C-alpha atoms as a PDB file:
ATOM      1  CA  MET A   1      -1.231  29.312 -39.682  1.00  0.00           C
ATOM      2  CA  LYS A   2      -2.595  26.090 -40.467  1.00  0.00           C
ATOM      3  CA  LYS A   3       0.633  25.109 -42.212  1.00  0.00           C
ATOM      4  CA  ILE A   4       2.602  26.279 -39.568  1.00  0.00           C
ATOM      5  CA  ILE A   5       0.582  23.948 -36.910  1.00  0.00           C
ATOM      6  CA  TYR A   6       0.694  21.263 -39.418  1.00  0.00           C
ATOM      7  CA  THR A   7       4.500  21.437 -39.893  1.00  0.00           C
ATOM      8  CA  SER A   8       4.822  21.763 -35.771  1.00  0.00           C
ATOM      9  CA  MET A   9       2.920  18.319 -35.305  1.00  0.00           C
ATOM     10  CA  MET A  10       4.875  16.734 -37.716  1.00  0.00           C
ATOM     11  CA  LEU A  11       8.301  17.831 -36.113  1.00  0.00           C
ATOM     12  CA  LEU A  12       6.934  16.563 -32.611  1.00  0.00           C
ATOM     13  CA  SER A  13       5.782  12.919 -33.994  1.00  0.00           C
ATOM     14  CA  THR A  14       9.562  12.687 -35.792  1.00  0.00           C
ATOM     15  CA  ALA A  15      10.715  13.519 -32.528  1.00  0.00           C
ATOM     16  CA  ILE A  16       8.710  11.052 -30.642  1.00  0.00           C
ATOM     17  CA  ILE A  17       9.419   8.249 -33.004  1.00  0.00           C
ATOM     18  CA  THR A  18      13.076   8.908 -32.407  1.00  0.00           C
ATOM     19  CA  ILE A  19      12.804   8.844 -28.461  1.00  0.00           C
ATOM     20  CA  ASP A  20      10.909   5.283 -28.490  1.00  0.00           C
ATOM     21  CA  SER A  21      10.890   3.267 -31.155  1.00  0.00           C
ATOM     22  CA  ASN A  22       7.902   1.129 -30.034  1.00  0.00           C
ATOM     23  CA  LEU A  23       6.019   3.862 -29.858  1.00  0.00           C
ATOM     24  CA  TYR A  24       3.053   1.781 -30.976  1.00  0.00           C
ATOM     25  CA  SER A  25       2.559   0.171 -27.299  1.00  0.00           C
ATOM     26  CA  PHE A  26       1.725   3.665 -25.797  1.00  0.00           C
ATOM     27  CA  SER A  27      -1.206   3.298 -27.571  1.00  0.00           C
ATOM     28  CA  ASN A  28      -2.671   0.533 -25.171  1.00  0.00           C
ATOM     29  CA  PRO A  29      -4.665   2.059 -22.444  1.00  0.00           C
ATOM     30  CA  TYR A  30      -3.588  -0.534 -19.978  1.00  0.00           C
ATOM     31  CA  ARG A  31       0.181  -0.137 -20.440  1.00  0.00           C
ATOM     32  CA  GLU A  32       0.152   1.862 -17.290  1.00  0.00           C
ATOM     33  CA  ASN A  33      -1.184  -0.630 -15.286  1.00  0.00           C
ATOM     34  CA  ILE A  34       1.212  -3.250 -17.021  1.00  0.00           C
ATOM     35  CA  ARG A  35       4.006  -1.389 -15.842  1.00  0.00           C
ATOM     36  CA  ARG A  36       2.931  -1.210 -12.360  1.00  0.00           C
ATOM     37  CA  ASP A  37       2.373  -4.844 -11.933  1.00  0.00           C
ATOM     38  CA  VAL A  38       6.189  -5.099 -13.567  1.00  0.00           C
ATOM     39  CA  LEU A  39       7.547  -3.073 -10.520  1.00  0.00           C
ATOM     40  CA  HIS A  40       5.525  -5.109  -8.214  1.00  0.00           C
ATOM     41  CA  SER A  41       7.087  -8.187  -9.782  1.00  0.00           C
ATOM     42  CA  VAL A  42      10.763  -6.731  -9.598  1.00  0.00           C
ATOM     43  CA  LYS A  43       9.826  -5.766  -5.856  1.00  0.00           C
ATOM     44  CA  MET A  44       8.965  -9.499  -5.089  1.00  0.00           C
ATOM     45  CA  ALA A  45      12.393 -10.772  -6.662  1.00  0.00           C
ATOM     46  CA  GLU A  46      15.778 -10.714  -4.284  1.00  0.00           C
ATOM     47  CA  PRO A  47      17.994  -7.596  -3.962  1.00  0.00           C
ATOM     48  CA  LYS A  48      20.673  -8.981  -6.134  1.00  0.00           C
ATOM     49  CA  ILE A  49      18.135  -9.869  -8.933  1.00  0.00           C
ATOM     50  CA  ARG A  50      16.680  -6.126  -8.539  1.00  0.00           C
ATOM     51  CA  LYS A  51      19.716  -4.767  -9.323  1.00  0.00           C
ATOM     52  CA  GLN A  52      19.279  -5.533 -12.879  1.00  0.00           C
ATOM     53  CA  TRP A  53      16.126  -3.731 -13.251  1.00  0.00           C
ATOM     54  CA  ARG A  54      16.691  -0.209 -14.307  1.00  0.00           C
ATOM     55  CA  HIS A  55      14.148   1.962 -15.992  1.00  0.00           C
ATOM     56  CA  LYS A  56      14.981   0.321 -19.423  1.00  0.00           C
ATOM     57  CA  GLN A  57      14.689  -2.995 -18.294  1.00  0.00           C
ATOM     58  CA  VAL A  58      11.403  -1.870 -16.800  1.00  0.00           C
ATOM     59  CA  GLU A  59      10.069  -0.630 -20.092  1.00  0.00           C
ATOM     60  CA  THR A  60      11.261  -3.314 -22.130  1.00  0.00           C
ATOM     61  CA  LEU A  61       9.176  -6.056 -20.186  1.00  0.00           C
ATOM     62  CA  THR A  62       6.193  -3.822 -19.906  1.00  0.00           C
ATOM     63  CA  THR A  63       6.463  -3.440 -24.106  1.00  0.00           C
ATOM     64  CA  ALA A  64       7.128  -7.016 -24.263  1.00  0.00           C
ATOM     65  CA  LEU A  65       3.691  -7.799 -22.534  1.00  0.00           C
ATOM     66  CA  VAL A  66       1.638  -5.339 -24.049  1.00  0.00           C
ATOM     67  CA  ALA A  67       3.041  -6.888 -27.526  1.00  0.00           C
ATOM     68  CA  VAL A  68       1.833 -10.065 -25.992  1.00  0.00           C
ATOM     69  CA  GLU A  69      -1.515  -8.977 -25.234  1.00  0.00           C
ATOM     70  CA  ASP A  70      -2.105  -7.853 -28.503  1.00  0.00           C
ATOM     71  CA  VAL A  71      -0.721 -11.005 -30.450  1.00  0.00           C
ATOM     72  CA  TYR A  72      -2.448 -13.268 -27.860  1.00  0.00           C
ATOM     73  CA  PRO A  73      -5.679 -11.734 -26.181  1.00  0.00           C
ATOM     74  CA  HIS A  74      -5.886 -14.929 -23.903  1.00  0.00           C
ATOM     75  CA  ILE A  75      -2.311 -14.392 -22.122  1.00  0.00           C
ATOM     76  CA  ASN A  76      -3.169 -11.772 -19.513  1.00  0.00           C
ATOM     77  CA  HIS A  77      -0.044 -10.222 -18.514  1.00  0.00           C
ATOM     78  CA  LYS A  78      -0.576 -10.949 -14.870  1.00  0.00           C
ATOM     79  CA  TYR A  79      -0.671 -14.777 -15.728  1.00  0.00           C
ATOM     80  CA  LEU A  80       2.559 -14.539 -17.836  1.00  0.00           C
ATOM     81  CA  LEU A  81       4.245 -12.263 -14.906  1.00  0.00           C
ATOM     82  CA  SER A  82       3.266 -14.861 -12.498  1.00  0.00           C
ATOM     83  CA  THR A  83       4.901 -17.644 -15.055  1.00  0.00           C
ATOM     84  CA  ILE A  84       8.451 -15.412 -15.172  1.00  0.00           C
ATOM     85  CA  LEU A  85       8.335 -15.176 -11.233  1.00  0.00           C
ATOM     86  CA  THR A  86       8.011 -18.971 -10.872  1.00  0.00           C
ATOM     87  CA  GLU A  87      10.375 -19.917 -13.486  1.00  0.00           C
ATOM     88  CA  SER A  88      13.311 -17.564 -13.141  1.00  0.00           C
ATOM     89  CA  GLU A  89      12.101 -15.277 -10.239  1.00  0.00           C
ATOM     90  CA  MET A  90      12.711 -12.174 -12.642  1.00  0.00           C
ATOM     91  CA  ASP A  91      16.101 -13.086 -12.981  1.00  0.00           C
ATOM     92  CA  ILE A  92      17.014 -11.615 -16.728  1.00  0.00           C
ATOM     93  CA  TYR A  93      20.003 -13.727 -17.028  1.00  0.00           C
ATOM     94  CA  CYS A  94      18.681 -17.151 -15.299  1.00  0.00           C
ATOM     95  CA  VAL A  95      20.601 -20.220 -16.153  1.00  0.00           C
ATOM     96  CA  PRO A  96      20.276 -22.815 -13.710  1.00  0.00           C
ATOM     97  CA  LYS A  97      23.241 -24.554 -12.209  1.00  0.00           C
ATOM     98  CA  HIS A  98      21.590 -27.978 -13.180  1.00  0.00           C
ATOM     99  CA  ARG A  99      20.684 -29.081 -16.475  1.00  0.00           C
ATOM    100  CA  ASN A 100      17.220 -30.680 -16.978  1.00  0.00           C
ATOM    101  CA  GLU A 101      16.735 -34.601 -16.656  1.00  0.00           C
ATOM    102  CA  ASN A 102      17.088 -34.464 -20.740  1.00  0.00           C
ATOM    103  CA  GLY A 103      20.024 -32.683 -20.473  1.00  0.00           C
ATOM    104  CA  SER A 104      18.656 -29.510 -22.102  1.00  0.00           C
ATOM    105  CA  ILE A 105      19.367 -26.146 -20.576  1.00  0.00           C
ATOM    106  CA  ASP A 106      16.797 -23.000 -19.655  1.00  0.00           C
ATOM    107  CA  TYR A 107      17.720 -19.634 -20.052  1.00  0.00           C
ATOM    108  CA  GLY A 108      16.544 -16.002 -19.695  1.00  0.00           C
ATOM    109  CA  LEU A 109      13.328 -14.735 -17.813  1.00  0.00           C
ATOM    110  CA  SER A 110      10.767 -17.408 -19.235  1.00  0.00           C
ATOM    111  CA  GLN A 111      13.354 -20.160 -19.070  1.00  0.00           C
ATOM    112  CA  GLN A 112      13.604 -21.191 -22.660  1.00  0.00           C
ATOM    113  CA  ASN A 113      14.486 -24.613 -23.353  1.00  0.00           C
ATOM    114  CA  SER A 114      17.733 -25.280 -25.436  1.00  0.00           C
ATOM    115  CA  ARG A 115      15.618 -27.951 -27.102  1.00  0.00           C
ATOM    116  CA  TYR A 116      13.143 -25.542 -28.814  1.00  0.00           C
ATOM    117  CA  ILE A 117      15.099 -22.121 -28.205  1.00  0.00           C
ATOM    118  CA  LYS A 118      16.003 -21.653 -32.129  1.00  0.00           C
ATOM    119  CA  GLU A 119      12.363 -22.451 -33.414  1.00  0.00           C
ATOM    120  CA  ARG A 120      10.817 -20.311 -30.860  1.00  0.00           C
ATOM    121  CA  TYR A 121      13.157 -17.220 -30.850  1.00  0.00           C
ATOM    122  CA  ALA A 122      12.498 -17.689 -34.591  1.00  0.00           C
ATOM    123  CA  LYS A 123       8.648 -17.317 -34.110  1.00  0.00           C
ATOM    124  CA  ALA A 124       8.828 -14.328 -31.557  1.00  0.00           C
ATOM    125  CA  ARG A 125      11.344 -12.585 -33.680  1.00  0.00           C
ATOM    126  CA  LYS A 126       9.113 -12.582 -36.517  1.00  0.00           C
ATOM    127  CA  ILE A 127       6.282 -11.514 -34.421  1.00  0.00           C
ATOM    128  CA  LEU A 128       8.262  -8.502 -33.132  1.00  0.00           C
ATOM    129  CA  LYS A 129       9.682  -7.749 -36.304  1.00  0.00           C
ATOM    130  CA  SER A 130       5.619  -7.576 -37.688  1.00  0.00           C
ATOM    131  CA  MET A 131       4.994  -5.036 -34.757  1.00  0.00           C
ATOM    132  CA  HIS A 132       8.298  -2.813 -35.860  1.00  0.00           C
ATOM    133  CA  ILE A 133       9.686  -3.659 -32.199  1.00  0.00           C
ATOM    134  CA  LYS A 134      13.370  -3.645 -32.138  1.00  0.00           C
ATOM    135  CA  HIS A 135      15.130  -6.276 -30.387  1.00  0.00           C
ATOM    136  CA  THR A 136      18.636  -7.821 -30.689  1.00  0.00           C
ATOM    137  CA  LYS A 137      19.856 -11.356 -31.228  1.00  0.00           C
ATOM    138  CA  ASN A 138      21.279 -12.022 -27.461  1.00  0.00           C
ATOM    139  CA  LYS A 139      19.763 -14.959 -26.013  1.00  0.00           C
ATOM    140  CA  PHE A 140      18.716 -12.717 -23.088  1.00  0.00           C
ATOM    141  CA  ASP A 141      16.886 -10.029 -24.924  1.00  0.00           C
ATOM    142  CA  ILE A 142      13.844  -9.433 -23.024  1.00  0.00           C
ATOM    143  CA  LEU A 143      11.430  -8.657 -25.504  1.00  0.00           C
ATOM    144  CA  VAL A 144      12.171 -11.839 -27.542  1.00  0.00           C
ATOM    145  CA  ASN A 145      12.596 -14.141 -24.526  1.00  0.00           C
ATOM    146  CA  VAL A 146       9.527 -13.341 -23.087  1.00  0.00           C
ATOM    147  CA  MET A 147       7.767 -13.406 -26.378  1.00  0.00           C
ATOM    148  CA  ALA A 148       8.661 -16.808 -27.210  1.00  0.00           C
ATOM    149  CA  GLY A 149       7.404 -17.585 -23.536  1.00  0.00           C
ATOM    150  CA  ALA A 150       4.330 -16.518 -24.984  1.00  0.00           C
ATOM    151  CA  VAL A 151       4.684 -18.904 -28.155  1.00  0.00           C
ATOM    152  CA  THR A 152       4.963 -21.477 -26.284  1.00  0.00           C
ATOM    153  CA  LEU A 153       2.129 -20.741 -23.884  1.00  0.00           C
ATOM    154  CA  ASP A 154      -0.079 -20.551 -26.930  1.00  0.00           C
ATOM    155  CA  GLU A 155       1.428 -24.069 -28.274  1.00  0.00           C
ATOM    156  CA  PHE A 156       0.544 -25.669 -24.965  1.00  0.00           C
ATOM    157  CA  LYS A 157      -3.004 -24.053 -24.968  1.00  0.00           C
ATOM    158  CA  HIS A 158      -3.937 -25.325 -28.476  1.00  0.00           C
ATOM    159  CA  ASP A 159      -2.267 -29.017 -27.526  1.00  0.00           C
ATOM    160  CA  LEU A 160      -4.382 -29.001 -24.458  1.00  0.00           C
ATOM    161  CA  THR A 161      -7.511 -28.333 -26.261  1.00  0.00           C
ATOM    162  CA  HIS A 162      -7.313 -31.582 -28.509  1.00  0.00           C
ATOM    163  CA  LYS A 163      -9.773 -34.466 -27.342  1.00  0.00           C
ATOM    164  CA  LYS A 164      -7.396 -36.612 -26.147  1.00  0.00           C
ATOM    165  CA  TYR A 165      -6.390 -34.416 -23.131  1.00  0.00           C
ATOM    166  CA  ARG A 166      -8.915 -31.632 -22.646  1.00  0.00           C
ATOM    167  CA  ASN A 167     -11.195 -34.243 -20.759  1.00  0.00           C
ATOM    168  CA  ARG A 168      -8.507 -35.351 -18.382  1.00  0.00           C
ATOM    169  CA  ILE A 169      -7.348 -31.937 -17.067  1.00  0.00           C
ATOM    170  CA  PRO A 170      -7.907 -31.653 -13.302  1.00  0.00           C
ATOM    171  CA  LYS A 171     -10.426 -29.149 -12.282  1.00  0.00           C
ATOM    172  CA  LYS A 172      -8.361 -27.058 -10.219  1.00  0.00           C
ATOM    173  CA  TYR A 173      -6.015 -26.786 -13.322  1.00  0.00           C
ATOM    174  CA  LYS A 174      -8.789 -26.427 -15.854  1.00  0.00           C
ATOM    175  CA  HIS A 175      -8.666 -22.535 -16.882  1.00  0.00           C
ATOM    176  CA  ILE A 176      -4.865 -22.509 -16.224  1.00  0.00           C
ATOM    177  CA  ALA A 177      -3.440 -25.706 -17.624  1.00  0.00           C
ATOM    178  CA  HIS A 178      -1.065 -24.586 -20.245  1.00  0.00           C
ATOM    179  CA  PHE A 179       0.571 -22.352 -17.561  1.00  0.00           C
ATOM    180  CA  ILE A 180       1.048 -25.051 -14.965  1.00  0.00           C
ATOM    181  CA  ALA A 181       2.178 -27.483 -17.980  1.00  0.00           C
ATOM    182  CA  TYR A 182       4.979 -24.906 -18.856  1.00  0.00           C
ATOM    183  CA  ASN A 183       7.360 -26.647 -16.271  1.00  0.00           C
ATOM    184  CA  THR A 184       6.854 -30.231 -17.562  1.00  0.00           C
ATOM    185  CA  GLY A 185       5.552 -30.032 -21.129  1.00  0.00           C
ATOM    186  CA  VAL A 186       1.772 -31.465 -22.335  1.00  0.00           C
ATOM    187  CA  GLY A 187       3.191 -35.043 -21.999  1.00  0.00           C
ATOM    188  CA  GLY A 188       4.826 -34.728 -18.760  1.00  0.00           C
ATOM    189  CA  PHE A 189       1.595 -32.946 -17.007  1.00  0.00           C
ATOM    190  CA  PHE A 190      -0.627 -35.812 -17.197  1.00  0.00           C
ATOM    191  CA  ASN A 191       2.073 -37.959 -16.326  1.00  0.00           C
ATOM    192  CA  PRO A 192       1.007 -39.389 -12.687  1.00  0.00           C
ATOM    193  CA  ASN A 193       4.463 -40.056 -11.737  1.00  0.00           C
ATOM    194  CA  ARG A 194       4.930 -35.887 -11.489  1.00  0.00           C
ATOM    195  CA  GLU A 195       1.847 -34.973  -9.651  1.00  0.00           C
ATOM    196  CA  HIS A 196       3.996 -34.001  -6.962  1.00  0.00           C
ATOM    197  CA  LYS A 197       6.274 -32.108  -8.860  1.00  0.00           C
ATOM    198  CA  ARG A 198       3.129 -30.435 -10.644  1.00  0.00           C
ATOM    199  CA  SER A 199       1.666 -29.598  -7.580  1.00  0.00           C
ATOM    200  CA  GLN A 200       4.464 -27.763  -5.977  1.00  0.00           C
ATOM    201  CA  TYR A 201       4.524 -25.668  -9.251  1.00  0.00           C
ATOM    202  CA  TYR A 202       0.841 -24.761  -8.959  1.00  0.00           C
ATOM    203  CA  ASN A 203       1.065 -23.787  -5.500  1.00  0.00           C
ATOM    204  CA  ARG A 204       4.063 -21.556  -6.331  1.00  0.00           C
ATOM    205  CA  TYR A 205       2.752 -19.921  -9.499  1.00  0.00           C
ATOM    206  CA  LYS A 206      -0.521 -19.527  -7.525  1.00  0.00           C
ATOM    207  CA  LYS A 207       1.572 -17.634  -4.521  1.00  0.00           C
ATOM    208  CA  TYR A 208       2.800 -15.272  -7.131  1.00  0.00           C
ATOM    209  CA  PHE A 209      -0.457 -14.780  -8.868  1.00  0.00           C
ATOM    210  CA  VAL A 210      -2.408 -13.742  -5.935  1.00  0.00           C
ATOM    211  CA  ARG A 211       0.269 -11.080  -4.877  1.00  0.00           C
ATOM    212  CA  LEU A 212      -0.487  -9.765  -8.145  1.00  0.00           C
END
């Protein structure tokens, strides 16, 4: 009898793994909460963008956010979703019509800059591979793009702890400086000529975060 039960359990496990190659993510007790926040974020997007979001895309972004929290505990999914909403308004295939001041282009949900995309995508793919999460080489792959966004935020957080920066961070940005710096980079974050742009970004970011 025990042998029959054991065999049945093994068959069930094999079937589940076949259904979802990202099974590990379901072990996160907060996955359903994260999924609800993803759905709520989609509802904030424009109707034409909402059409991109089927069940598969919702589950993929949920998995990406779960994976990010596993690798970078200091990057809560609500903060990252607020970044995505601020950057691309949930447009998976977002590519702005106008180039940046330096001629670069931004891509996807987390608006990965063309100057750094190769390096950050490489780091993101390495992380995903180590977690046995299947992904593609597509520039707009949700898993890679969002993990690359987390890689960027982690880099900025690390840079902003440097002694030449940490005491210069304005009080209102103190705990989310790396999220606000996401728009201009660490150098641009302290540029006094960009205060208006930084403030606009902060207000837009805060608007989304409050709604989450």
